[in-house]
Amino acid sequence: MDTLLLLAVGIGAGIVARRILPWTSSDVLAASMAVGILGAFAGAMTGHLIGYREGDPALFVTSALGAMVLAVAFDALSDRGKVT
């Protein structure tokens, strides 16, 4: 999968993760996007391990799922930005 596409998927997942969780903070947004990028790369590697090849739409799905799962998990476990 193209590196730029993985970056875009990760950034998008980080932004979406920030929108669906109740607290807001700009420093957590940047961290969420970074974690989303890591999740997209991890999801793509998992897809390759499963057997998906470049150009397979399922590889895009695994990278998007990896990005969302990691970004949401990071935001849920993060103490920064929570409303008290």
PDB file of N, CA and C in Angstrom:
ATOM      1  N   MET A   1       0.858  -1.172   0.000  1.00  0.00           N
ATOM      2  CA  MET A   1       0.000   0.000   0.000  1.00  0.00           C
ATOM      3  C   MET A   1       0.895   1.223   0.000  1.00  0.00           C
ATOM      4  N   ASP A   2       0.522   2.209  -0.721  1.00  0.00           N
ATOM      5  CA  ASP A   2       1.313   3.414  -0.843  1.00  0.00           C
ATOM      6  C   ASP A   2       1.462   4.104   0.511  1.00  0.00           C
ATOM      7  N   THR A   3       2.660   4.587   0.774  1.00  0.00           N
ATOM      8  CA  THR A   3       2.957   5.224   2.059  1.00  0.00           C
ATOM      9  C   THR A   3       2.106   6.470   2.280  1.00  0.00           C
ATOM     10  N   LEU A   4       1.894   7.251   1.238  1.00  0.00           N
ATOM     11  CA  LEU A   4       1.071   8.454   1.388  1.00  0.00           C
ATOM     12  C   LEU A   4      -0.379   8.099   1.728  1.00  0.00           C
ATOM     13  N   LEU A   5      -0.867   7.019   1.151  1.00  0.00           N
ATOM     14  CA  LEU A   5      -2.227   6.587   1.467  1.00  0.00           C
ATOM     15  C   LEU A   5      -2.311   6.122   2.921  1.00  0.00           C
ATOM     16  N   LEU A   6      -1.291   5.421   3.397  1.00  0.00           N
ATOM     17  CA  LEU A   6      -1.268   4.998   4.800  1.00  0.00           C
ATOM     18  C   LEU A   6      -1.231   6.210   5.732  1.00  0.00           C
ATOM     19  N   LEU A   7      -0.453   7.227   5.378  1.00  0.00           N
ATOM     20  CA  LEU A   7      -0.416   8.450   6.183  1.00  0.00           C
ATOM     21  C   LEU A   7      -1.785   9.117   6.220  1.00  0.00           C
ATOM     22  N   ALA A   8      -2.436   9.194   5.063  1.00  0.00           N
ATOM     23  CA  ALA A   8      -3.757   9.815   5.005  1.00  0.00           C
ATOM     24  C   ALA A   8      -4.778   9.032   5.822  1.00  0.00           C
ATOM     25  N   VAL A   9      -4.736   7.713   5.716  1.00  0.00           N
ATOM     26  CA  VAL A   9      -5.658   6.878   6.498  1.00  0.00           C
ATOM     27  C   VAL A   9      -5.409   7.074   7.989  1.00  0.00           C
ATOM     28  N   GLY A  10      -4.150   7.098   8.398  1.00  0.00           N
ATOM     29  CA  GLY A  10      -3.818   7.272   9.814  1.00  0.00           C
ATOM     30  C   GLY A  10      -4.231   8.625  10.353  1.00  0.00           C
ATOM     31  N   ILE A  11      -3.977   9.675   9.592  1.00  0.00           N
ATOM     32  CA  ILE A  11      -4.372  11.015  10.033  1.00  0.00           C
ATOM     33  C   ILE A  11      -5.886  11.113  10.122  1.00  0.00           C
ATOM     34  N   GLY A  12      -6.562  10.580   9.115  1.00  0.00           N
ATOM     35  CA  GLY A  12      -8.028  10.593   9.141  1.00  0.00           C
ATOM     36  C   GLY A  12      -8.587   9.816  10.324  1.00  0.00           C
ATOM     37  N   ALA A  13      -7.993   8.688  10.620  1.00  0.00           N
ATOM     38  CA  ALA A  13      -8.462   7.892  11.758  1.00  0.00           C
ATOM     39  C   ALA A  13      -8.230   8.627  13.067  1.00  0.00           C
ATOM     40  N   GLY A  14      -7.103   9.315  13.191  1.00  0.00           N
ATOM     41  CA  GLY A  14      -6.846  10.091  14.400  1.00  0.00           C
ATOM     42  C   GLY A  14      -7.853  11.212  14.581  1.00  0.00           C
ATOM     43  N   ILE A  15      -8.196  11.883  13.491  1.00  0.00           N
ATOM     44  CA  ILE A  15      -9.179  12.967  13.564  1.00  0.00           C
ATOM     45  C   ILE A  15     -10.553  12.413  13.911  1.00  0.00           C
ATOM     46  N   VAL A  16     -10.932  11.313  13.280  1.00  0.00           N
ATOM     47  CA  VAL A  16     -12.238  10.702  13.577  1.00  0.00           C
ATOM     48  C   VAL A  16     -12.290  10.235  15.034  1.00  0.00           C
ATOM     49  N   ALA A  17     -11.190   9.670  15.526  1.00  0.00           N
ATOM     50  CA  ALA A  17     -11.159   9.217  16.918  1.00  0.00           C
ATOM     51  C   ALA A  17     -11.362  10.390  17.871  1.00  0.00           C
ATOM     52  N   ARG A  18     -10.806  11.540  17.554  1.00  0.00           N
ATOM     53  CA  ARG A  18     -10.990  12.709  18.402  1.00  0.00           C
ATOM     54  C   ARG A  18     -12.428  13.189  18.369  1.00  0.00           C
ATOM     55  N   ARG A  19     -13.091  13.051  17.218  1.00  0.00           N
ATOM     56  CA  ARG A  19     -14.471  13.529  17.074  1.00  0.00           C
ATOM     57  C   ARG A  19     -15.478  12.638  17.790  1.00  0.00           C
ATOM     58  N   ILE A  20     -15.216  11.346  17.882  1.00  0.00           N
ATOM     59  CA  ILE A  20     -16.217  10.456  18.469  1.00  0.00           C
ATOM     60  C   ILE A  20     -16.057  10.308  19.973  1.00  0.00           C
ATOM     61  N   LEU A  21     -14.962  10.808  20.533  1.00  0.00           N
ATOM     62  CA  LEU A  21     -14.772  10.740  21.981  1.00  0.00           C
ATOM     63  C   LEU A  21     -15.134  12.082  22.602  1.00  0.00           C
ATOM     64  N   PRO A  22     -15.629  12.106  23.841  1.00  0.00           N
ATOM     65  CA  PRO A  22     -16.235  13.307  24.399  1.00  0.00           C
ATOM     66  C   PRO A  22     -15.284  14.445  24.767  1.00  0.00           C
ATOM     67  N   TRP A  23     -14.030  14.184  25.057  1.00  0.00           N
ATOM     68  CA  TRP A  23     -13.154  15.272  25.489  1.00  0.00           C
ATOM     69  C   TRP A  23     -12.415  15.859  24.295  1.00  0.00           C
ATOM     70  N   THR A  24     -11.982  17.113  24.431  1.00  0.00           N
ATOM     71  CA  THR A  24     -11.271  17.765  23.343  1.00  0.00           C
ATOM     72  C   THR A  24     -10.042  18.464  23.881  1.00  0.00           C
ATOM     73  N   SER A  25      -8.957  18.343  23.157  1.00  0.00           N
ATOM     74  CA  SER A  25      -7.716  19.020  23.486  1.00  0.00           C
ATOM     75  C   SER A  25      -6.826  18.963  22.249  1.00  0.00           C
ATOM     76  N   SER A  26      -6.205  20.091  21.884  1.00  0.00           N
ATOM     77  CA  SER A  26      -5.435  20.134  20.642  1.00  0.00           C
ATOM     78  C   SER A  26      -4.174  19.280  20.715  1.00  0.00           C
ATOM     79  N   ASP A  27      -3.538  19.171  21.905  1.00  0.00           N
ATOM     80  CA  ASP A  27      -2.335  18.350  21.984  1.00  0.00           C
ATOM     81  C   ASP A  27      -2.663  16.874  21.840  1.00  0.00           C
ATOM     82  N   VAL A  28      -3.826  16.469  22.271  1.00  0.00           N
ATOM     83  CA  VAL A  28      -4.235  15.075  22.105  1.00  0.00           C
ATOM     84  C   VAL A  28      -4.596  14.798  20.646  1.00  0.00           C
ATOM     85  N   LEU A  29      -5.043  15.813  19.906  1.00  0.00           N
ATOM     86  CA  LEU A  29      -5.349  15.628  18.488  1.00  0.00           C
ATOM     87  C   LEU A  29      -4.085  15.241  17.729  1.00  0.00           C
ATOM     88  N   ALA A  30      -2.997  15.942  17.965  1.00  0.00           N
ATOM     89  CA  ALA A  30      -1.745  15.615  17.285  1.00  0.00           C
ATOM     90  C   ALA A  30      -1.273  14.213  17.664  1.00  0.00           C
ATOM     91  N   ALA A  31      -1.395  13.868  18.920  1.00  0.00           N
ATOM     92  CA  ALA A  31      -1.004  12.532  19.368  1.00  0.00           C
ATOM     93  C   ALA A  31      -1.920  11.477  18.761  1.00  0.00           C
ATOM     94  N   SER A  32      -3.205  11.763  18.659  1.00  0.00           N
ATOM     95  CA  SER A  32      -4.148  10.819  18.063  1.00  0.00           C
ATOM     96  C   SER A  32      -3.826  10.580  16.598  1.00  0.00           C
ATOM     97  N   MET A  33      -3.445  11.638  15.885  1.00  0.00           N
ATOM     98  CA  MET A  33      -3.079  11.472  14.481  1.00  0.00           C
ATOM     99  C   MET A  33      -1.812  10.644  14.348  1.00  0.00           C
ATOM    100  N   ALA A  34      -0.833  10.884  15.223  1.00  0.00           N
ATOM    101  CA  ALA A  34       0.406  10.095  15.174  1.00  0.00           C
ATOM    102  C   ALA A  34       0.138   8.629  15.476  1.00  0.00           C
ATOM    103  N   VAL A  35      -0.701   8.371  16.462  1.00  0.00           N
ATOM    104  CA  VAL A  35      -1.041   6.990  16.803  1.00  0.00           C
ATOM    105  C   VAL A  35      -1.867   6.362  15.677  1.00  0.00           C
ATOM    106  N   GLY A  36      -2.716   7.148  15.031  1.00  0.00           N
ATOM    107  CA  GLY A  36      -3.468   6.645  13.884  1.00  0.00           C
ATOM    108  C   GLY A  36      -2.555   6.225  12.747  1.00  0.00           C
ATOM    109  N   ILE A  37      -1.493   6.991  12.509  1.00  0.00           N
ATOM    110  CA  ILE A  37      -0.527   6.635  11.475  1.00  0.00           C
ATOM    111  C   ILE A  37       0.170   5.328  11.828  1.00  0.00           C
ATOM    112  N   LEU A  38       0.588   5.202  13.073  1.00  0.00           N
ATOM    113  CA  LEU A  38       1.212   3.942  13.510  1.00  0.00           C
ATOM    114  C   LEU A  38       0.252   2.770  13.358  1.00  0.00           C
ATOM    115  N   GLY A  39      -1.010   2.992  13.697  1.00  0.00           N
ATOM    116  CA  GLY A  39      -2.019   1.942  13.555  1.00  0.00           C
ATOM    117  C   GLY A  39      -2.247   1.554  12.106  1.00  0.00           C
ATOM    118  N   ALA A  40      -2.195   2.536  11.194  1.00  0.00           N
ATOM    119  CA  ALA A  40      -2.368   2.231   9.771  1.00  0.00           C
ATOM    120  C   ALA A  40      -1.219   1.363   9.266  1.00  0.00           C
ATOM    121  N   PHE A  41      -0.004   1.695   9.673  1.00  0.00           N
ATOM    122  CA  PHE A  41       1.131   0.871   9.268  1.00  0.00           C
ATOM    123  C   PHE A  41       1.044  -0.521   9.896  1.00  0.00           C
ATOM    124  N   ALA A  42       0.634  -0.587  11.153  1.00  0.00           N
ATOM    125  CA  ALA A  42       0.494  -1.888  11.812  1.00  0.00           C
ATOM    126  C   ALA A  42      -0.609  -2.716  11.144  1.00  0.00           C
ATOM    127  N   GLY A  43      -1.699  -2.080  10.785  1.00  0.00           N
ATOM    128  CA  GLY A  43      -2.777  -2.784  10.101  1.00  0.00           C
ATOM    129  C   GLY A  43      -2.355  -3.291   8.732  1.00  0.00           C
ATOM    130  N   ALA A  44      -1.566  -2.483   8.014  1.00  0.00           N
ATOM    131  CA  ALA A  44      -1.074  -2.918   6.704  1.00  0.00           C
ATOM    132  C   ALA A  44      -0.118  -4.097   6.853  1.00  0.00           C
ATOM    133  N   MET A  45       0.747  -4.052   7.867  1.00  0.00           N
ATOM    134  CA  MET A  45       1.659  -5.181   8.087  1.00  0.00           C
ATOM    135  C   MET A  45       0.885  -6.432   8.459  1.00  0.00           C
ATOM    136  N   THR A  46      -0.164  -6.274   9.267  1.00  0.00           N
ATOM    137  CA  THR A  46      -1.006  -7.414   9.624  1.00  0.00           C
ATOM    138  C   THR A  46      -1.684  -7.978   8.375  1.00  0.00           C
ATOM    139  N   GLY A  47      -2.153  -7.090   7.524  1.00  0.00           N
ATOM    140  CA  GLY A  47      -2.763  -7.542   6.274  1.00  0.00           C
ATOM    141  C   GLY A  47      -1.790  -8.311   5.403  1.00  0.00           C
ATOM    142  N   HIS A  48      -0.543  -7.859   5.363  1.00  0.00           N
ATOM    143  CA  HIS A  48       0.476  -8.588   4.597  1.00  0.00           C
ATOM    144  C   HIS A  48       0.742  -9.956   5.212  1.00  0.00           C
ATOM    145  N   LEU A  49       0.751 -10.021   6.538  1.00  0.00           N
ATOM    146  CA  LEU A  49       0.967 -11.307   7.208  1.00  0.00           C
ATOM    147  C   LEU A  49      -0.177 -12.281   6.947  1.00  0.00           C
ATOM    148  N   ILE A  50      -1.389 -11.749   6.855  1.00  0.00           N
ATOM    149  CA  ILE A  50      -2.551 -12.593   6.578  1.00  0.00           C
ATOM    150  C   ILE A  50      -2.483 -13.136   5.152  1.00  0.00           C
ATOM    151  N   GLY A  51      -1.865 -12.362   4.263  1.00  0.00           N
ATOM    152  CA  GLY A  51      -1.733 -12.836   2.886  1.00  0.00           C
ATOM    153  C   GLY A  51      -2.238 -11.871   1.839  1.00  0.00           C
ATOM    154  N   TYR A  52      -2.682 -10.688   2.231  1.00  0.00           N
ATOM    155  CA  TYR A  52      -3.135  -9.710   1.254  1.00  0.00           C
ATOM    156  C   TYR A  52      -1.931  -9.102   0.557  1.00  0.00           C
ATOM    157  N   ARG A  53      -2.081  -8.808  -0.711  1.00  0.00           N
ATOM    158  CA  ARG A  53      -0.998  -8.248  -1.518  1.00  0.00           C
ATOM    159  C   ARG A  53      -1.323  -6.805  -1.893  1.00  0.00           C
ATOM    160  N   GLU A  54      -0.310  -6.098  -2.397  1.00  0.00           N
ATOM    161  CA  GLU A  54      -0.484  -4.707  -2.810  1.00  0.00           C
ATOM    162  C   GLU A  54      -1.632  -4.591  -3.809  1.00  0.00           C
ATOM    163  N   GLY A  55      -2.447  -3.569  -3.627  1.00  0.00           N
ATOM    164  CA  GLY A  55      -3.573  -3.348  -4.513  1.00  0.00           C
ATOM    165  C   GLY A  55      -4.849  -4.061  -4.101  1.00  0.00           C
ATOM    166  N   ASP A  56      -4.765  -4.928  -3.118  1.00  0.00           N
ATOM    167  CA  ASP A  56      -5.944  -5.641  -2.635  1.00  0.00           C
ATOM    168  C   ASP A  56      -6.756  -4.699  -1.741  1.00  0.00           C
ATOM    169  N   PRO A  57      -8.051  -4.516  -2.016  1.00  0.00           N
ATOM    170  CA  PRO A  57      -8.856  -3.618  -1.189  1.00  0.00           C
ATOM    171  C   PRO A  57      -8.900  -4.026   0.286  1.00  0.00           C
ATOM    172  N   ALA A  58      -8.744  -5.299   0.560  1.00  0.00           N
ATOM    173  CA  ALA A  58      -8.763  -5.754   1.949  1.00  0.00           C
ATOM    174  C   ALA A  58      -7.570  -5.208   2.726  1.00  0.00           C
ATOM    175  N   LEU A  59      -6.478  -4.925   2.046  1.00  0.00           N
ATOM    176  CA  LEU A  59      -5.316  -4.340   2.707  1.00  0.00           C
ATOM    177  C   LEU A  59      -5.627  -2.929   3.188  1.00  0.00           C
ATOM    178  N   PHE A  60      -6.403  -2.193   2.403  1.00  0.00           N
ATOM    179  CA  PHE A  60      -6.848  -0.861   2.828  1.00  0.00           C
ATOM    180  C   PHE A  60      -7.747  -0.961   4.049  1.00  0.00           C
ATOM    181  N   VAL A  61      -8.630  -1.934   4.047  1.00  0.00           N
ATOM    182  CA  VAL A  61      -9.546  -2.122   5.178  1.00  0.00           C
ATOM    183  C   VAL A  61      -8.775  -2.477   6.453  1.00  0.00           C
ATOM    184  N   THR A  62      -7.780  -3.362   6.353  1.00  0.00           N
ATOM    185  CA  THR A  62      -7.016  -3.721   7.548  1.00  0.00           C
ATOM    186  C   THR A  62      -6.218  -2.534   8.074  1.00  0.00           C
ATOM    187  N   SER A  63      -5.696  -1.698   7.176  1.00  0.00           N
ATOM    188  CA  SER A  63      -4.957  -0.525   7.654  1.00  0.00           C
ATOM    189  C   SER A  63      -5.902   0.486   8.303  1.00  0.00           C
ATOM    190  N   ALA A  64      -7.090   0.667   7.746  1.00  0.00           N
ATOM    191  CA  ALA A  64      -8.053   1.592   8.340  1.00  0.00           C
ATOM    192  C   ALA A  64      -8.524   1.078   9.706  1.00  0.00           C
ATOM    193  N   LEU A  65      -8.798  -0.216   9.806  1.00  0.00           N
ATOM    194  CA  LEU A  65      -9.214  -0.781  11.095  1.00  0.00           C
ATOM    195  C   LEU A  65      -8.101  -0.690  12.134  1.00  0.00           C
ATOM    196  N   GLY A  66      -6.880  -0.973  11.727  1.00  0.00           N
ATOM    197  CA  GLY A  66      -5.755  -0.861  12.651  1.00  0.00           C
ATOM    198  C   GLY A  66      -5.581   0.559  13.156  1.00  0.00           C
ATOM    199  N   ALA A  67      -5.723   1.523  12.261  1.00  0.00           N
ATOM    200  CA  ALA A  67      -5.591   2.926  12.649  1.00  0.00           C
ATOM    201  C   ALA A  67      -6.690   3.340  13.616  1.00  0.00           C
ATOM    202  N   MET A  68      -7.931   2.953  13.323  1.00  0.00           N
ATOM    203  CA  MET A  68      -9.042   3.339  14.196  1.00  0.00           C
ATOM    204  C   MET A  68      -8.924   2.678  15.561  1.00  0.00           C
ATOM    205  N   VAL A  69      -8.605   1.408  15.583  1.00  0.00           N
ATOM    206  CA  VAL A  69      -8.509   0.705  16.863  1.00  0.00           C
ATOM    207  C   VAL A  69      -7.417   1.309  17.735  1.00  0.00           C
ATOM    208  N   LEU A  70      -6.254   1.548  17.156  1.00  0.00           N
ATOM    209  CA  LEU A  70      -5.152   2.094  17.942  1.00  0.00           C
ATOM    210  C   LEU A  70      -5.425   3.532  18.371  1.00  0.00           C
ATOM    211  N   ALA A  71      -6.008   4.348  17.504  1.00  0.00           N
ATOM    212  CA  ALA A  71      -6.298   5.742  17.856  1.00  0.00           C
ATOM    213  C   ALA A  71      -7.356   5.831  18.948  1.00  0.00           C
ATOM    214  N   VAL A  72      -8.409   5.038  18.843  1.00  0.00           N
ATOM    215  CA  VAL A  72      -9.462   5.055  19.864  1.00  0.00           C
ATOM    216  C   VAL A  72      -8.933   4.508  21.185  1.00  0.00           C
ATOM    217  N   ALA A  73      -8.129   3.452  21.130  1.00  0.00           N
ATOM    218  CA  ALA A  73      -7.547   2.898  22.355  1.00  0.00           C
ATOM    219  C   ALA A  73      -6.626   3.910  23.023  1.00  0.00           C
ATOM    220  N   PHE A  74      -5.830   4.617  22.246  1.00  0.00           N
ATOM    221  CA  PHE A  74      -4.949   5.635  22.807  1.00  0.00           C
ATOM    222  C   PHE A  74      -5.748   6.736  23.486  1.00  0.00           C
ATOM    223  N   ASP A  75      -6.778   7.229  22.797  1.00  0.00           N
ATOM    224  CA  ASP A  75      -7.581   8.301  23.377  1.00  0.00           C
ATOM    225  C   ASP A  75      -8.350   7.837  24.600  1.00  0.00           C
ATOM    226  N   ALA A  76      -8.802   6.618  24.604  1.00  0.00           N
ATOM    227  CA  ALA A  76      -9.544   6.105  25.751  1.00  0.00           C
ATOM    228  C   ALA A  76      -8.637   5.927  26.968  1.00  0.00           C
ATOM    229  N   LEU A  77      -7.382   5.571  26.728  1.00  0.00           N
ATOM    230  CA  LEU A  77      -6.453   5.335  27.829  1.00  0.00           C
ATOM    231  C   LEU A  77      -5.663   6.578  28.226  1.00  0.00           C
ATOM    232  N   SER A  78      -5.747   7.611  27.434  1.00  0.00           N
ATOM    233  CA  SER A  78      -4.972   8.830  27.684  1.00  0.00           C
ATOM    234  C   SER A  78      -5.605   9.639  28.816  1.00  0.00           C
ATOM    235  N   ASP A  79      -4.777  10.109  29.740  1.00  0.00           N
ATOM    236  CA  ASP A  79      -5.269  10.968  30.817  1.00  0.00           C
ATOM    237  C   ASP A  79      -5.319  12.424  30.385  1.00  0.00           C
ATOM    238  N   ARG A  80      -4.554  12.750  29.357  1.00  0.00           N
ATOM    239  CA  ARG A  80      -4.547  14.130  28.884  1.00  0.00           C
ATOM    240  C   ARG A  80      -5.832  14.443  28.183  1.00  0.00           C
ATOM    241  N   GLY A  81      -6.388  15.608  28.419  1.00  0.00           N
ATOM    242  CA  GLY A  81      -7.558  16.053  27.698  1.00  0.00           C
ATOM    243  C   GLY A  81      -8.884  15.594  28.247  1.00  0.00           C
ATOM    244  N   LYS A  82      -8.898  14.800  29.290  1.00  0.00           N
ATOM    245  CA  LYS A  82     -10.181  14.343  29.834  1.00  0.00           C
ATOM    246  C   LYS A  82     -10.863  15.476  30.585  1.00  0.00           C
ATOM    247  N   VAL A  83     -12.139  15.547  30.451  1.00  0.00           N
ATOM    248  CA  VAL A  83     -12.926  16.531  31.188  1.00  0.00           C
ATOM    249  C   VAL A  83     -13.170  15.972  32.583  1.00  0.00           C
ATOM    250  N   THR A  84     -12.838  16.748  33.590  1.00  0.00           N
ATOM    251  CA  THR A  84     -13.046  16.288  34.964  1.00  0.00           C
ATOM    252  C   THR A  84     -14.228  16.953  35.593  1.00  0.00           C
TER     253      THR A  84
END
